[in-house]
Amino acid sequence: MMQSVIQLAAHLKTSLHSPANAVELKALELVLGYPLPEQVRALYITTNGLTLNAREGYPQPRLMTVEAVTEFLRVSEWDKRYLPLTANDDSNHYCVRCDEALMGYVVYVDHEDLPTIKFRDVDTFMKALQKYYHDGFTYPQEGLYDTNDPEAVDQLDAHFDRLNIHGVPSQFLQPERTPHDLAAARRLITSVHETFRPDNRTHRYEMYLALWLLNDAEEIAALSRYVRMDFLVERLQALPASHAQPTLTQLTARLDMFTEHCAEKLRQFGLNVWNKFSFHGDIRLEAGSKHLRYPYSMADWYFWSHWYTTEAEFDQVILQRVTSVERRPD
């Protein structure tokens, strides 16, 4: 029995479902292509799904039933290393990795963003859900908020957001990492580094997950060939400054030199880059009186520059691209 999910149901004042049977679990494993991690099996034997909020008019997050997960995997083009554990009616799922590289870890898979590693195991995730829903949260009283008052509407929206489980605080916001985390990170890196292709989304995702399992600044910086610079900077900024600042300074200086090199090349073609030091934003160019927006950042360019044989080859590519139809009016 998984005590954490029993306690979660008790706090939510909801009933556990009947346990999944052996036939249902076997059917799921056949579609999944992996044996169920031990804690996932224990969860389904304790309750086959669980309603996290049943109140009408509010988000309806839930632990998916075995039948729902099996059908989802059967009909969708889904990376079956990720077993979807939750549904929130937004196409995003907390998932459990089922392959050897990251067995048992809970990863949030966002259909519009990078996957994010959240918890080391299902049990920890259940405890985090319990804390998330019941640390002082109450439903808004009927008619309490004036929908003509913008501030009141914002408060009501905050209550709704509180029921969306994407906001459960990650276990990996803290800088500490275990030997198990570090071993998992190195397995992920080893699994793709020899065959890594920058245009392979799965390869990039594996390196990004590894990034958040590491906590040594030099190991993190060594991923600059595989992970965008802004992601490296974000990770380093989450470490104690005394440990990360020298590496962070080096990486920032390296990007500054690269962006100045690109800016000089573009100036030769009458293009002035006026936000060249932005990690995230599109590259914005001035050509005479016209402003143009190129749909990539300098962090993107820096990442892709590693995959050209020579500097001259990369310079030629960027010049072709920014003077092509790919650029967009500002």
Protein backbone atom coordinates (compact mmCIF):
# COMPACT_ATOMS: atom_id res chain seq x y z
CA MET A 1 0.00 0.00 0.00
CA MET A 2 1.19 3.54 -0.79
CA GLN A 3 0.50 5.55 2.38
CA SER A 4 1.19 8.90 0.70
CA VAL A 5 -1.71 8.54 -1.75
CA ILE A 6 -4.02 7.26 1.03
CA GLN A 7 -3.18 10.39 3.04
CA LEU A 8 -3.67 12.56 -0.05
CA ALA A 9 -7.17 11.16 -0.60
CA ALA A 10 -8.03 11.67 3.06
CA HIS A 11 -6.96 15.34 2.91
CA LEU A 12 -8.97 15.84 -0.28
CA LYS A 13 -11.98 14.13 1.30
CA THR A 14 -12.29 11.94 -1.77
CA SER A 15 -12.61 8.17 -2.08
CA LEU A 16 -9.92 5.83 -3.29
CA HIS A 17 -10.88 3.93 -6.42
CA SER A 18 -10.90 0.15 -6.68
CA PRO A 19 -7.39 -1.24 -7.24
CA ALA A 20 -6.25 -2.07 -10.76
CA ASN A 21 -6.05 -5.80 -11.39
CA ALA A 22 -3.23 -7.84 -12.87
CA VAL A 23 -4.84 -8.02 -16.33
CA GLU A 24 -5.16 -4.21 -16.53
CA LEU A 25 -1.58 -3.68 -15.40
CA LYS A 26 -0.27 -6.22 -17.91
CA ALA A 27 -2.21 -4.53 -20.72
CA LEU A 28 -0.63 -1.21 -19.78
CA GLU A 29 2.86 -2.70 -19.77
CA LEU A 30 2.33 -4.22 -23.22
CA VAL A 31 1.34 -0.85 -24.70
CA LEU A 32 4.03 1.00 -22.76
CA GLY A 33 6.82 -1.37 -23.72
CA TYR A 34 8.46 -1.14 -20.26
CA PRO A 35 7.85 -2.82 -16.90
CA LEU A 36 5.99 -0.49 -14.55
CA PRO A 37 8.27 1.16 -11.99
CA GLU A 38 7.70 -0.28 -8.53
CA GLN A 39 6.02 2.82 -7.06
CA VAL A 40 3.71 3.20 -10.08
CA ARG A 41 2.53 -0.39 -9.62
CA ALA A 42 2.05 0.24 -5.89
CA LEU A 43 0.00 3.37 -6.68
CA TYR A 44 -2.34 1.55 -9.08
CA ILE A 45 -2.78 -1.33 -6.64
CA THR A 46 -3.74 1.21 -3.96
CA THR A 47 -6.10 3.22 -6.18
CA ASN A 48 -6.80 3.03 -9.90
CA GLY A 49 -6.87 6.79 -10.44
CA LEU A 50 -7.87 9.56 -8.06
CA THR A 51 -9.92 12.74 -8.41
CA LEU A 52 -7.96 15.70 -7.07
CA ASN A 53 -10.83 18.15 -7.44
CA ALA A 54 -14.43 17.31 -8.33
CA ARG A 55 -16.00 20.72 -7.70
CA GLU A 56 -17.81 21.95 -10.82
CA GLY A 57 -16.59 25.15 -12.42
CA TYR A 58 -13.00 24.55 -11.34
CA PRO A 59 -10.05 22.78 -13.00
CA GLN A 60 -10.39 19.00 -12.77
CA PRO A 61 -6.88 17.60 -12.17
CA ARG A 62 -6.70 13.88 -11.50
CA LEU A 63 -4.48 10.85 -11.35
CA MET A 64 -5.32 8.97 -14.52
CA THR A 65 -6.76 5.46 -14.39
CA VAL A 66 -4.85 2.55 -15.86
CA GLU A 67 -7.47 2.24 -18.58
CA ALA A 68 -7.16 5.94 -19.49
CA VAL A 69 -3.35 5.77 -19.63
CA THR A 70 -3.46 2.59 -21.73
CA GLU A 71 -5.85 4.14 -24.23
CA PHE A 72 -3.88 7.39 -24.36
CA LEU A 73 -0.67 5.51 -25.18
CA ARG A 74 -2.45 3.34 -27.73
CA VAL A 75 -3.92 6.18 -29.82
CA SER A 76 -1.35 9.00 -29.47
CA GLU A 77 2.13 9.57 -30.83
CA TRP A 78 3.77 9.72 -27.44
CA ASP A 79 7.26 8.99 -26.18
CA LYS A 80 6.46 5.85 -24.22
CA ARG A 81 9.40 6.27 -21.89
CA TYR A 82 7.08 8.76 -20.17
CA LEU A 83 4.06 7.20 -18.46
CA PRO A 84 1.46 9.98 -18.00
CA LEU A 85 0.43 9.94 -14.36
CA THR A 86 -1.88 12.98 -14.22
CA ALA A 87 -4.33 14.79 -16.46
CA ASN A 88 -5.28 18.45 -16.11
CA ASP A 89 -7.28 18.98 -19.34
CA ASP A 90 -4.47 21.14 -20.76
CA SER A 91 -2.42 18.54 -22.70
CA ASN A 92 0.33 18.70 -20.05
CA HIS A 93 1.14 15.76 -17.81
CA TYR A 94 3.23 14.79 -14.84
CA CYS A 95 4.89 11.62 -16.08
CA VAL A 96 7.03 8.86 -14.67
CA ARG A 97 10.08 7.87 -16.68
CA CYS A 98 10.11 4.12 -17.24
CA ASP A 99 13.41 3.53 -19.03
CA GLU A 100 16.66 2.66 -17.29
CA ALA A 101 18.27 6.07 -17.80
CA LEU A 102 15.81 7.92 -15.54
CA MET A 103 13.71 5.16 -14.00
CA GLY A 104 11.12 6.39 -11.51
CA TYR A 105 11.72 10.14 -11.76
CA VAL A 106 8.65 12.36 -12.17
CA VAL A 107 8.93 14.74 -15.15
CA TYR A 108 6.46 17.46 -16.12
CA VAL A 109 5.88 17.22 -19.88
CA ASP A 110 4.56 20.50 -21.26
CA HIS A 111 3.33 20.31 -24.86
CA GLU A 112 4.62 23.84 -25.53
CA ASP A 113 7.89 23.76 -23.59
CA LEU A 114 10.82 21.65 -22.48
CA PRO A 115 10.18 18.72 -20.12
CA THR A 116 11.10 19.60 -16.54
CA ILE A 117 12.33 17.14 -13.94
CA LYS A 118 10.24 17.63 -10.79
CA PHE A 119 10.53 14.79 -8.28
CA ARG A 120 12.74 11.78 -7.58
CA ASP A 121 9.81 9.38 -7.22
CA VAL A 122 6.04 9.01 -7.15
CA ASP A 123 5.83 8.88 -3.36
CA THR A 124 7.51 12.28 -3.03
CA PHE A 125 5.16 13.68 -5.70
CA MET A 126 2.08 12.47 -3.79
CA LYS A 127 3.35 14.16 -0.62
CA ALA A 128 4.01 17.37 -2.57
CA LEU A 129 0.46 17.31 -3.95
CA GLN A 130 -0.94 16.93 -0.45
CA LYS A 131 1.05 19.93 0.77
CA TYR A 132 0.24 21.99 -2.32
CA TYR A 133 -3.53 21.62 -2.03
CA HIS A 134 -3.82 22.08 1.68
CA ASP A 135 -1.35 24.75 2.77
CA GLY A 136 -4.01 27.32 3.58
CA PHE A 137 -5.98 26.94 0.35
CA THR A 138 -9.75 27.47 0.46
CA TYR A 139 -12.31 27.67 -2.32
CA PRO A 140 -13.70 31.17 -2.89
CA GLN A 141 -17.17 31.63 -1.42
CA GLU A 142 -20.06 31.87 -3.86
CA GLY A 143 -20.67 35.50 -4.83
CA LEU A 144 -17.70 36.71 -2.78
CA TYR A 145 -15.97 38.40 -5.71
CA ASP A 146 -17.36 41.23 -7.79
CA THR A 147 -16.65 40.24 -11.40
CA ASN A 148 -16.68 43.94 -12.35
CA ASP A 149 -13.74 44.59 -10.03
CA PRO A 150 -10.42 43.78 -11.80
CA GLU A 151 -8.62 43.18 -8.50
CA ALA A 152 -11.32 40.79 -7.34
CA VAL A 153 -11.18 38.93 -10.66
CA ASP A 154 -7.41 38.57 -10.27
CA GLN A 155 -7.96 37.07 -6.81
CA LEU A 156 -10.53 34.65 -8.22
CA ASP A 157 -8.14 33.67 -11.03
CA ALA A 158 -5.50 32.97 -8.40
CA HIS A 159 -7.86 30.50 -6.74
CA PHE A 160 -8.43 28.75 -10.07
CA ASP A 161 -4.69 28.66 -10.77
CA ARG A 162 -4.10 27.13 -7.35
CA LEU A 163 -6.10 24.11 -8.51
CA ASN A 164 -3.96 23.61 -11.60
CA ILE A 165 -1.25 21.17 -10.65
CA HIS A 166 1.40 22.64 -12.95
CA GLY A 167 2.37 24.90 -10.04
CA VAL A 168 3.39 22.18 -7.57
CA PRO A 169 6.88 23.30 -6.37
CA SER A 170 9.64 21.09 -7.75
CA GLN A 171 11.92 19.10 -5.50
CA PHE A 172 14.78 20.27 -7.73
CA LEU A 173 14.46 23.98 -6.94
CA GLN A 174 16.94 23.36 -4.13
CA PRO A 175 20.66 23.13 -5.05
CA GLU A 176 21.29 19.80 -3.32
CA ARG A 177 21.65 16.71 -5.48
CA THR A 178 22.05 13.10 -4.41
CA PRO A 179 24.55 10.55 -5.75
CA HIS A 180 21.54 8.92 -7.43
CA ASP A 181 20.77 12.20 -9.24
CA LEU A 182 24.34 12.58 -10.45
CA ALA A 183 24.44 8.99 -11.68
CA ALA A 184 21.16 9.52 -13.55
CA ALA A 185 22.51 12.71 -15.16
CA ARG A 186 25.60 10.90 -16.40
CA ARG A 187 23.50 8.05 -17.79
CA LEU A 188 21.42 10.57 -19.76
CA ILE A 189 24.52 12.28 -21.11
CA THR A 190 26.18 9.00 -22.02
CA SER A 191 23.04 7.80 -23.79
CA VAL A 192 23.13 10.55 -26.43
CA HIS A 193 26.45 12.42 -26.49
CA GLU A 194 28.16 10.21 -29.09
CA THR A 195 25.23 10.39 -31.51
CA PHE A 196 23.97 13.85 -30.51
CA ARG A 197 22.30 15.87 -33.24
CA PRO A 198 21.19 19.43 -32.50
CA ASP A 199 18.08 18.97 -34.65
CA ASN A 200 17.02 15.90 -32.65
CA ARG A 201 14.50 17.04 -30.04
CA THR A 202 14.88 13.91 -27.92
CA HIS A 203 18.65 14.42 -27.72
CA ARG A 204 18.23 18.04 -26.62
CA TYR A 205 15.63 17.10 -24.02
CA GLU A 206 17.86 14.43 -22.48
CA MET A 207 20.70 16.91 -22.07
CA TYR A 208 18.35 19.50 -20.58
CA LEU A 209 17.08 17.00 -18.00
CA ALA A 210 20.66 16.04 -17.17
CA LEU A 211 21.46 19.73 -16.67
CA TRP A 212 19.03 19.96 -13.74
CA LEU A 213 20.36 16.80 -12.10
CA LEU A 214 23.91 18.20 -11.96
CA ASN A 215 25.16 20.66 -9.34
CA ASP A 216 28.82 21.10 -10.23
CA ALA A 217 29.47 24.33 -12.13
CA GLU A 218 32.19 22.88 -14.36
CA GLU A 219 30.10 19.85 -15.28
CA ILE A 220 27.23 22.16 -16.14
CA ALA A 221 29.44 24.40 -18.29
CA ALA A 222 30.73 21.33 -20.13
CA LEU A 223 27.24 20.91 -21.62
CA SER A 224 27.55 24.13 -23.65
CA ARG A 225 27.82 22.10 -26.85
CA TYR A 226 24.52 20.38 -26.12
CA VAL A 227 22.39 22.91 -24.21
CA ARG A 228 21.53 26.52 -25.00
CA MET A 229 23.58 29.10 -23.14
CA ASP A 230 20.56 30.74 -21.48
CA PHE A 231 19.60 27.38 -19.95
CA LEU A 232 23.13 26.94 -18.62
CA VAL A 233 23.04 30.42 -17.11
CA GLU A 234 19.65 29.74 -15.51
CA ARG A 235 20.97 26.55 -13.93
CA LEU A 236 24.16 28.19 -12.68
CA GLN A 237 22.19 31.05 -11.16
CA ALA A 238 20.30 28.51 -9.06
CA LEU A 239 23.58 27.37 -7.44
CA PRO A 240 25.32 29.14 -4.55
CA ALA A 241 27.09 32.18 -6.01
CA SER A 242 30.38 31.30 -4.35
CA HIS A 243 30.48 28.10 -6.36
CA ALA A 244 28.94 29.20 -9.66
CA GLN A 245 30.00 32.83 -10.18
CA PRO A 246 33.45 32.22 -11.78
CA THR A 247 31.94 29.81 -14.32
CA LEU A 248 28.98 32.10 -14.91
CA THR A 249 31.35 35.01 -15.60
CA GLN A 250 33.33 32.92 -18.11
CA LEU A 251 30.24 31.78 -19.98
CA THR A 252 28.82 35.30 -20.14
CA ALA A 253 32.11 36.65 -21.49
CA ARG A 254 32.16 33.90 -24.10
CA LEU A 255 28.66 34.81 -25.27
CA ASP A 256 29.55 38.51 -25.33
CA MET A 257 32.51 37.81 -27.62
CA PHE A 258 30.34 35.66 -29.88
CA THR A 259 27.57 38.23 -30.17
CA GLU A 260 30.04 41.00 -30.95
CA HIS A 261 31.52 38.83 -33.70
CA CYS A 262 28.04 38.24 -35.20
CA ALA A 263 27.14 41.93 -34.88
CA GLU A 264 30.29 42.92 -36.78
CA LYS A 265 29.51 40.48 -39.60
CA LEU A 266 25.99 41.85 -39.90
CA ARG A 267 27.20 45.45 -39.88
CA GLN A 268 29.18 44.62 -43.01
CA PHE A 269 25.82 44.08 -44.71
CA GLY A 270 24.27 47.27 -43.36
CA LEU A 271 22.40 45.53 -40.53
CA ASN A 272 22.67 46.81 -36.97
CA VAL A 273 21.78 44.44 -34.10
CA TRP A 274 20.29 46.53 -31.33
CA ASN A 275 19.41 43.82 -28.80
CA LYS A 276 22.36 41.52 -29.41
CA PHE A 277 22.93 40.74 -25.73
CA SER A 278 19.43 39.39 -25.13
CA PHE A 279 19.43 35.70 -24.19
CA HIS A 280 15.75 35.07 -24.84
CA GLY A 281 14.34 37.65 -27.21
CA ASP A 282 14.27 37.52 -30.98
CA ILE A 283 17.21 39.20 -32.68
CA ARG A 284 16.13 42.68 -33.74
CA LEU A 285 17.87 44.36 -36.64
CA GLU A 286 17.97 47.86 -38.05
CA ALA A 287 18.40 48.32 -41.78
CA GLY A 288 18.33 52.03 -42.48
CA SER A 289 14.95 53.26 -41.28
CA LYS A 290 13.48 49.75 -41.11
CA HIS A 291 13.33 47.51 -38.08
CA LEU A 292 13.40 43.76 -38.68
CA ARG A 293 12.89 40.89 -36.27
CA TYR A 294 14.67 37.60 -36.78
CA PRO A 295 12.90 34.74 -34.94
CA TYR A 296 15.92 33.44 -33.00
CA SER A 297 17.99 34.69 -30.09
CA MET A 298 21.77 35.00 -29.82
CA ALA A 299 21.62 32.04 -27.45
CA ASP A 300 20.15 30.01 -30.33
CA TRP A 301 22.90 31.17 -32.68
CA TYR A 302 25.58 30.35 -30.15
CA PHE A 303 24.19 26.85 -29.70
CA TRP A 304 24.06 26.18 -33.42
CA SER A 305 27.55 27.61 -34.03
CA HIS A 306 29.07 24.58 -32.32
CA TRP A 307 27.81 22.35 -35.10
CA TYR A 308 29.59 23.97 -38.04
CA THR A 309 33.03 22.88 -39.14
CA THR A 310 34.50 26.38 -39.35
CA GLU A 311 33.67 29.88 -38.20
CA ALA A 312 33.49 31.02 -41.83
CA GLU A 313 30.89 28.36 -42.60
CA PHE A 314 28.70 29.52 -39.73
CA ASP A 315 29.14 33.20 -40.69
CA GLN A 316 27.93 32.42 -44.18
CA VAL A 317 24.86 30.63 -42.86
CA ILE A 318 23.73 33.44 -40.55
CA LEU A 319 24.21 36.03 -43.28
CA GLN A 320 22.10 33.97 -45.65
CA ARG A 321 19.39 33.52 -43.06
CA VAL A 322 19.01 37.09 -41.88
CA THR A 323 18.91 38.36 -45.45
CA SER A 324 16.27 35.78 -46.43
CA VAL A 325 12.50 35.66 -46.03
CA GLU A 326 12.92 34.15 -42.54
CA ARG A 327 13.24 37.60 -40.99
CA ARG A 328 9.99 39.34 -40.07
CA PRO A 329 8.97 43.03 -39.87
CA ASP A 330 9.04 44.37 -36.33
